[in-house]
PDB file of N, CA and C in Angstrom:
ATOM      1  N   MET A   1       3.715-134.829  39.155  1.00  0.00           N
ATOM      2  CA  MET A   1       4.567-134.615  40.292  1.00  0.00           C
ATOM      3  C   MET A   1       4.545-135.882  41.194  1.00  0.00           C
ATOM      4  N   HIS A   2       5.717-136.352  41.573  1.00  0.00           N
ATOM      5  CA  HIS A   2       5.825-137.407  42.528  1.00  0.00           C
ATOM      6  C   HIS A   2       5.507-137.019  43.935  1.00  0.00           C
ATOM      7  N   ILE A   3       5.015-137.846  44.667  1.00  0.00           N
ATOM      8  CA  ILE A   3       4.609-137.586  46.152  1.00  0.00           C
ATOM      9  C   ILE A   3       5.879-137.236  46.920  1.00  0.00           C
ATOM     10  N   ASN A   4       7.003-137.895  46.667  1.00  0.00           N
ATOM     11  CA  ASN A   4       8.258-137.659  47.353  1.00  0.00           C
ATOM     12  C   ASN A   4       8.696-136.228  47.117  1.00  0.00           C
ATOM     13  N   ALA A   5       8.597-135.688  45.843  1.00  0.00           N
ATOM     14  CA  ALA A   5       8.913-134.339  45.450  1.00  0.00           C
ATOM     15  C   ALA A   5       8.027-133.393  46.124  1.00  0.00           C
ATOM     16  N   LEU A   6       6.747-133.759  46.248  1.00  0.00           N
ATOM     17  CA  LEU A   6       5.744-132.949  46.879  1.00  0.00           C
ATOM     18  C   LEU A   6       6.044-132.715  48.312  1.00  0.00           C
ATOM     19  N   TYR A   7       6.466-133.851  49.006  1.00  0.00           N
ATOM     20  CA  TYR A   7       6.846-133.697  50.460  1.00  0.00           C
ATOM     21  C   TYR A   7       8.078-132.822  50.603  1.00  0.00           C
ATOM     22  N   GLU A   8       9.010-132.964  49.720  1.00  0.00           N
ATOM     23  CA  GLU A   8      10.306-132.305  49.702  1.00  0.00           C
ATOM     24  C   GLU A   8       9.983-130.706  49.580  1.00  0.00           C
ATOM     25  N   VAL A   9       9.215-130.315  48.646  1.00  0.00           N
ATOM     26  CA  VAL A   9       8.802-128.932  48.410  1.00  0.00           C
ATOM     27  C   VAL A   9       8.046-128.458  49.610  1.00  0.00           C
ATOM     28  N   GLY A  10       7.125-129.286  50.123  1.00  0.00           N
ATOM     29  CA  GLY A  10       6.318-128.899  51.243  1.00  0.00           C
ATOM     30  C   GLY A  10       7.091-128.624  52.475  1.00  0.00           C
ATOM     31  N   PHE A  11       8.188-129.512  52.663  1.00  0.00           N
ATOM     32  CA  PHE A  11       9.059-129.350  53.843  1.00  0.00           C
ATOM     33  C   PHE A  11       9.872-128.061  53.675  1.00  0.00           C
ATOM     34  N   GLN A  12      10.364-127.845  52.458  1.00  0.00           N
ATOM     35  CA  GLN A  12      11.069-126.531  52.145  1.00  0.00           C
ATOM     36  C   GLN A  12      10.203-125.353  52.512  1.00  0.00           C
ATOM     37  N   CYS A  13       8.953-125.377  52.028  1.00  0.00           N
ATOM     38  CA  CYS A  13       8.047-124.281  52.297  1.00  0.00           C
ATOM     39  C   CYS A  13       7.832-124.108  53.832  1.00  0.00           C
ATOM     40  N   LEU A  14       7.759-125.195  54.530  1.00  0.00           N
ATOM     41  CA  LEU A  14       7.512-125.168  55.970  1.00  0.00           C
ATOM     42  C   LEU A  14       8.736-124.576  56.730  1.00  0.00           C
ATOM     43  N   VAL A  15       9.936-124.957  56.289  1.00  0.00           N
ATOM     44  CA  VAL A  15      11.163-124.443  56.863  1.00  0.00           C
ATOM     45  C   VAL A  15      11.261-122.904  56.662  1.00  0.00           C
ATOM     46  N   ILE A  16      10.954-122.510  55.424  1.00  0.00           N
ATOM     47  CA  ILE A  16      11.009-121.064  55.084  1.00  0.00           C
ATOM     48  C   ILE A  16       9.953-120.316  55.921  1.00  0.00           C
ATOM     49  N   HIS A  17       8.791-120.911  56.117  1.00  0.00           N
ATOM     50  CA  HIS A  17       7.676-120.313  56.854  1.00  0.00           C
ATOM     51  C   HIS A  17       8.067-120.200  58.303  1.00  0.00           C
ATOM     52  N   LEU A  18       8.730-121.173  58.911  1.00  0.00           N
ATOM     53  CA  LEU A  18       9.151-121.128  60.256  1.00  0.00           C
ATOM     54  C   LEU A  18      10.269-120.036  60.443  1.00  0.00           C
ATOM     55  N   LYS A  19      11.174-120.044  59.532  1.00  0.00           N
ATOM     56  CA  LYS A  19      12.294-119.064  59.592  1.00  0.00           C
ATOM     57  C   LYS A  19      11.705-117.601  59.499  1.00  0.00           C
ATOM     58  N   ASN A  20      10.752-117.439  58.677  1.00  0.00           N
ATOM     59  CA  ASN A  20      10.064-116.145  58.501  1.00  0.00           C
ATOM     60  C   ASN A  20       9.253-115.782  59.703  1.00  0.00           C
ATOM     61  N   LYS A  21       8.689-116.753  60.407  1.00  0.00           N
ATOM     62  CA  LYS A  21       7.967-116.455  61.645  1.00  0.00           C
ATOM     63  C   LYS A  21       8.889-115.890  62.720  1.00  0.00           C
ATOM     64  N   ILE A  22      10.097-116.396  62.760  1.00  0.00           N
ATOM     65  CA  ILE A  22      11.155-115.941  63.692  1.00  0.00           C
ATOM     66  C   ILE A  22      11.553-114.525  63.380  1.00  0.00           C
ATOM     67  N   SER A  23      11.872-114.224  62.149  1.00  0.00           N
ATOM     68  CA  SER A  23      12.207-112.876  61.787  1.00  0.00           C
ATOM     69  C   SER A  23      10.996-111.919  61.695  1.00  0.00           C
ATOM     70  N   ASN A  24       9.969-112.388  61.021  1.00  0.00           N
ATOM     71  CA  ASN A  24       8.642-111.691  60.945  1.00  0.00           C
ATOM     72  C   ASN A  24       8.826-110.225  60.394  1.00  0.00           C
ATOM     73  N   LYS A  25       9.646-110.079  59.394  1.00  0.00           N
ATOM     74  CA  LYS A  25       9.900-108.762  58.791  1.00  0.00           C
ATOM     75  C   LYS A  25       9.118-108.586  57.482  1.00  0.00           C
ATOM     76  N   ASN A  26       9.273-109.552  56.634  1.00  0.00           N
ATOM     77  CA  ASN A  26       8.660-109.439  55.302  1.00  0.00           C
ATOM     78  C   ASN A  26       7.274-110.089  55.252  1.00  0.00           C
ATOM     79  N   VAL A  27       6.258-109.235  55.288  1.00  0.00           N
ATOM     80  CA  VAL A  27       4.853-109.728  55.318  1.00  0.00           C
ATOM     81  C   VAL A  27       4.432-110.316  53.971  1.00  0.00           C
ATOM     82  N   LYS A  28       4.863-109.693  52.918  1.00  0.00           N
ATOM     83  CA  LYS A  28       4.531-110.154  51.561  1.00  0.00           C
ATOM     84  C   LYS A  28       5.096-111.585  51.322  1.00  0.00           C
ATOM     85  N   PHE A  29       6.291-111.752  51.799  1.00  0.00           N
ATOM     86  CA  PHE A  29       7.001-113.118  51.684  1.00  0.00           C
ATOM     87  C   PHE A  29       6.251-114.098  52.506  1.00  0.00           C
ATOM     88  N   ALA A  30       5.770-113.793  53.689  1.00  0.00           N
ATOM     89  CA  ALA A  30       5.023-114.689  54.535  1.00  0.00           C
ATOM     90  C   ALA A  30       3.691-115.096  53.802  1.00  0.00           C
ATOM     91  N   ILE A  31       3.050-114.193  53.241  1.00  0.00           N
ATOM     92  CA  ILE A  31       1.801-114.465  52.484  1.00  0.00           C
ATOM     93  C   ILE A  31       2.094-115.393  51.311  1.00  0.00           C
ATOM     94  N   ALA A  32       3.223-115.143  50.615  1.00  0.00           N
ATOM     95  CA  ALA A  32       3.626-115.970  49.432  1.00  0.00           C
ATOM     96  C   ALA A  32       3.869-117.439  49.879  1.00  0.00           C
ATOM     97  N   VAL A  33       4.538-117.562  51.082  1.00  0.00           N
ATOM     98  CA  VAL A  33       4.829-118.937  51.652  1.00  0.00           C
ATOM     99  C   VAL A  33       3.598-119.635  52.014  1.00  0.00           C
ATOM    100  N   LYS A  34       2.609-118.889  52.699  1.00  0.00           N
ATOM    101  CA  LYS A  34       1.352-119.454  53.066  1.00  0.00           C
ATOM    102  C   LYS A  34       0.556-119.950  51.853  1.00  0.00           C
ATOM    103  N   TYR A  35       0.563-119.139  50.771  1.00  0.00           N
ATOM    104  CA  TYR A  35      -0.073-119.526  49.531  1.00  0.00           C
ATOM    105  C   TYR A  35       0.532-120.749  48.911  1.00  0.00           C
ATOM    106  N   CYS A  36       1.889-120.843  48.963  1.00  0.00           N
ATOM    107  CA  CYS A  36       2.635-121.960  48.461  1.00  0.00           C
ATOM    108  C   CYS A  36       2.207-123.209  49.228  1.00  0.00           C
ATOM    109  N   PHE A  37       2.114-123.139  50.563  1.00  0.00           N
ATOM    110  CA  PHE A  37       1.736-124.243  51.442  1.00  0.00           C
ATOM    111  C   PHE A  37       0.336-124.683  51.155  1.00  0.00           C
ATOM    112  N   ILE A  38      -0.572-123.760  51.021  1.00  0.00           N
ATOM    113  CA  ILE A  38      -2.006-124.121  50.731  1.00  0.00           C
ATOM    114  C   ILE A  38      -2.123-124.813  49.403  1.00  0.00           C
ATOM    115  N   LYS A  39      -1.360-124.289  48.427  1.00  0.00           N
ATOM    116  CA  LYS A  39      -1.295-124.873  47.046  1.00  0.00           C
ATOM    117  C   LYS A  39      -0.815-126.339  47.082  1.00  0.00           C
ATOM    118  N   LEU A  40       0.220-126.610  47.895  1.00  0.00           N
ATOM    119  CA  LEU A  40       0.700-127.900  48.062  1.00  0.00           C
ATOM    120  C   LEU A  40      -0.196-128.894  48.713  1.00  0.00           C
ATOM    121  N   VAL A  41      -0.924-128.387  49.760  1.00  0.00           N
ATOM    122  CA  VAL A  41      -1.951-129.123  50.413  1.00  0.00           C
ATOM    123  C   VAL A  41      -3.038-129.607  49.385  1.00  0.00           C
ATOM    124  N   ILE A  42      -3.498-128.646  48.631  1.00  0.00           N
ATOM    125  CA  ILE A  42      -4.475-128.963  47.549  1.00  0.00           C
ATOM    126  C   ILE A  42      -3.947-129.934  46.541  1.00  0.00           C
ATOM    127  N   LEU A  43      -2.684-129.799  46.148  1.00  0.00           N
ATOM    128  CA  LEU A  43      -2.087-130.757  45.210  1.00  0.00           C
ATOM    129  C   LEU A  43      -1.982-132.124  45.859  1.00  0.00           C
ATOM    130  N   PHE A  44      -1.643-132.206  47.097  1.00  0.00           N
ATOM    131  CA  PHE A  44      -1.526-133.482  47.779  1.00  0.00           C
ATOM    132  C   PHE A  44      -2.874-134.233  47.873  1.00  0.00           C
ATOM    133  N   PHE A  45      -3.961-133.483  48.146  1.00  0.00           N
ATOM    134  CA  PHE A  45      -5.333-134.056  48.230  1.00  0.00           C
ATOM    135  C   PHE A  45      -5.729-134.519  46.846  1.00  0.00           C
ATOM    136  N   THR A  46      -5.466-133.779  45.776  1.00  0.00           N
ATOM    137  CA  THR A  46      -5.832-134.222  44.459  1.00  0.00           C
ATOM    138  C   THR A  46      -4.986-135.474  44.027  1.00  0.00           C
ATOM    139  N   GLN A  47      -3.739-135.479  44.435  1.00  0.00           N
ATOM    140  CA  GLN A  47      -2.877-136.612  44.115  1.00  0.00           C
ATOM    141  C   GLN A  47      -3.390-137.885  44.747  1.00  0.00           C
ATOM    142  N   SER A  48      -3.775-137.768  46.043  1.00  0.00           N
ATOM    143  CA  SER A  48      -4.233-138.944  46.857  1.00  0.00           C
ATOM    144  C   SER A  48      -5.574-139.446  46.323  1.00  0.00           C
ATOM    145  N   LEU A  49      -6.435-138.462  45.805  1.00  0.00           N
ATOM    146  CA  LEU A  49      -7.692-138.859  45.209  1.00  0.00           C
ATOM    147  C   LEU A  49      -7.505-139.567  43.853  1.00  0.00           C
ATOM    148  N   LEU A  50      -6.558-139.133  43.073  1.00  0.00           N
ATOM    149  CA  LEU A  50      -6.261-139.779  41.820  1.00  0.00           C
ATOM    150  C   LEU A  50      -5.673-141.167  41.979  1.00  0.00           C
ATOM    151  N   LEU A  51      -4.872-141.404  42.994  1.00  0.00           N
ATOM    152  CA  LEU A  51      -4.292-142.679  43.329  1.00  0.00           C
ATOM    153  C   LEU A  51      -5.338-143.622  43.921  1.00  0.00           C
TER     154      LEU A  51
END
């Protein structure tokens, strides 16, 4: 995965997370987005270590 793509997906996750915080209705969805964001952070760290 390219770093640019990683940032793009991370940004999308962040936007979804912020939108969900405003509505704050679907708790399961919020957990899924948080998991997605944590996963991306881990991916980013592993990518930077490999480079």
